[in-house]
Protein backbone atom coordinates (compact mmCIF):
# COMPACT_ATOMS: atom_id res chain seq x y z
CA ALA A 1 184.66 -30.71 125.61
CA VAL A 2 185.64 -27.39 125.87
CA VAL A 3 183.34 -25.17 123.45
CA SER A 4 184.40 -22.31 121.84
CA THR A 5 182.84 -18.84 121.43
CA GLN A 6 182.76 -18.47 117.85
CA SER A 7 180.82 -22.14 117.89
CA THR A 8 178.40 -20.95 120.76
CA GLY A 9 177.61 -17.61 118.05
CA ASN A 10 176.56 -20.08 115.39
CA ILE A 11 174.44 -21.72 117.43
CA GLU A 12 172.51 -18.76 119.05
CA THR A 13 172.13 -17.10 115.73
CA THR A 14 170.99 -20.68 113.88
CA VAL A 15 168.99 -21.00 116.76
CA GLN A 16 167.51 -17.20 116.56
CA THR A 17 166.92 -17.75 112.65
CA THR A 18 165.13 -21.04 113.07
CA ILE A 19 162.90 -19.63 115.22
CA LYS A 20 162.44 -16.43 113.31
CA GLU A 21 161.35 -18.33 110.29
CA LYS A 22 158.72 -21.00 112.29
CA MET A 23 157.45 -18.47 114.33
CA THR A 24 156.91 -16.25 110.67
CA GLU A 25 155.71 -19.85 109.36
CA ALA A 26 152.57 -20.14 112.15
CA SER A 27 151.87 -16.78 111.71
CA GLY A 28 150.89 -17.65 108.33
CA TYR A 29 149.07 -20.48 109.27
CA LEU A 30 146.97 -18.56 111.77
CA GLU A 31 146.16 -15.63 109.22
CA GLY A 32 144.69 -18.12 106.77
CA PHE A 33 142.49 -20.22 109.28
CA LEU A 34 141.05 -16.93 110.88
CA LYS A 35 140.57 -15.77 107.23
CA TRP A 36 138.79 -19.43 106.41
CA LEU A 37 136.65 -19.25 109.89
CA TYR A 38 135.44 -15.37 109.47
CA GLY A 39 134.15 -17.08 105.84
CA GLN A 40 132.64 -19.49 107.11
CA PHE A 41 130.96 -17.36 109.72
CA MET A 42 129.80 -14.99 107.14
CA GLU A 43 128.76 -17.57 104.74
CA THR A 44 126.93 -20.09 106.37
CA ILE A 45 126.49 -18.98 109.88
CA GLY A 46 125.30 -14.98 109.05
CA ASN A 47 122.75 -15.59 105.47
CA CYS A 48 120.95 -18.18 108.26
CA GLN A 49 117.82 -15.36 109.26
CA PRO A 50 116.95 -16.86 112.64
CA ILE A 51 119.76 -17.45 114.22
CA ALA A 52 120.81 -13.84 113.10
CA GLY A 53 117.40 -12.45 114.68
CA VAL A 54 117.99 -14.68 117.98
CA TYR A 55 121.45 -12.60 118.04
CA ILE A 56 119.93 -9.76 118.12
CA THR A 57 117.11 -10.22 120.08
CA VAL A 58 119.52 -11.48 123.06
CA PHE A 59 121.36 -8.78 122.21
CA ASN A 60 119.00 -6.14 122.55
CA PHE A 61 117.50 -7.65 125.54
CA THR A 62 120.71 -8.09 127.21
CA CYS A 63 121.40 -4.31 126.93
CA ASP A 64 117.52 -2.96 126.86
CA ALA A 65 116.27 -5.11 129.81
CA ILE A 66 119.08 -6.30 131.95
CA LEU A 67 122.36 -3.92 131.65
CA ILE A 68 119.97 -0.72 131.78
CA HIS A 69 118.38 -1.75 135.16
CA VAL A 70 121.51 -2.73 136.76
CA THR A 71 123.44 0.71 135.77
CA LEU A 72 120.11 2.55 137.00
CA LEU A 73 120.25 0.75 140.18
CA TYR A 74 123.66 1.34 140.68
CA CYS A 75 123.38 5.12 139.86
CA GLY A 76 120.11 4.94 142.62
CA LEU A 77 122.37 3.58 145.18
CA SER A 78 125.35 5.59 144.53
CA LEU A 79 122.63 8.85 144.60
CA VAL A 80 121.74 7.39 148.05
CA GLY A 81 124.74 6.98 149.64
CA PHE A 82 126.21 10.63 148.86
CA SER A 83 122.84 12.00 150.31
CA LEU A 84 123.04 10.03 153.51
CA LEU A 85 126.49 10.92 154.19
CA PHE A 86 125.28 14.57 153.64
CA TYR A 87 122.21 14.05 155.83
CA MET A 88 124.52 12.58 158.29
CA CYS A 89 126.45 16.27 158.53
CA VAL A 90 124.01 18.16 158.74
CA SER A 91 122.44 16.01 161.35
CA ARG A 92 125.36 16.12 163.51
CA CYS A 93 125.80 20.14 163.03
CA GLU A 94 121.81 20.42 163.99
CA ALA A 95 122.51 18.02 167.22
CA ARG A 96 125.55 20.47 168.35
CA TYR A 97 123.32 23.27 168.07
CA PHE A 98 120.17 22.22 169.93
CA ILE A 99 122.06 20.10 172.25
CA LYS A 100 121.74 22.58 176.08
CA TYR A 101 124.74 21.90 177.33
CA SER A 102 124.25 23.09 180.73
CA ARG A 103 121.38 20.47 180.82
CA LEU A 104 124.01 18.10 180.63
CA HIS A 105 124.05 15.85 184.12
CA PRO A 106 127.81 16.41 184.81
CA ASP A 107 128.06 13.17 186.54
CA ASP A 108 127.05 10.45 184.24
CA GLU A 109 130.13 9.08 182.69
CA GLY A 110 129.44 7.03 179.67
CA GLY A 111 125.66 7.18 179.64
CA ASN A 112 123.20 8.72 177.49
CA GLY A 113 124.71 12.29 178.98
CA TRP A 114 121.08 14.10 179.34
CA THR A 115 119.82 14.37 183.30
CA LYS A 116 117.13 12.29 185.05
CA ASP A 117 114.24 14.37 185.12
CA HIS A 118 114.84 15.46 181.12
């Protein structure tokens, strides 16, 4: 039951040839089906004006009434986020500038940092 290298090579070649033939045959069937499907769509469904009108209406409504508003909302929120980041940086700089460190209570550990009379 020892298989020689030469017979193994012939079997591999035969299998590869058979696979290539079947793939070519299958792609031909698939191409034919797609051409038939496209023809059916163009002749049957594409010529029906109400269906084409519904398609155009749904497409226009989706783009004009939904996607544009979602995009505007997303852009608006991102601009708010950038501006809030800028305002946080500015307020931190202003807080450092306007806080009078001489009025800070030296014994206050972990509190608000201000004297009791302030």
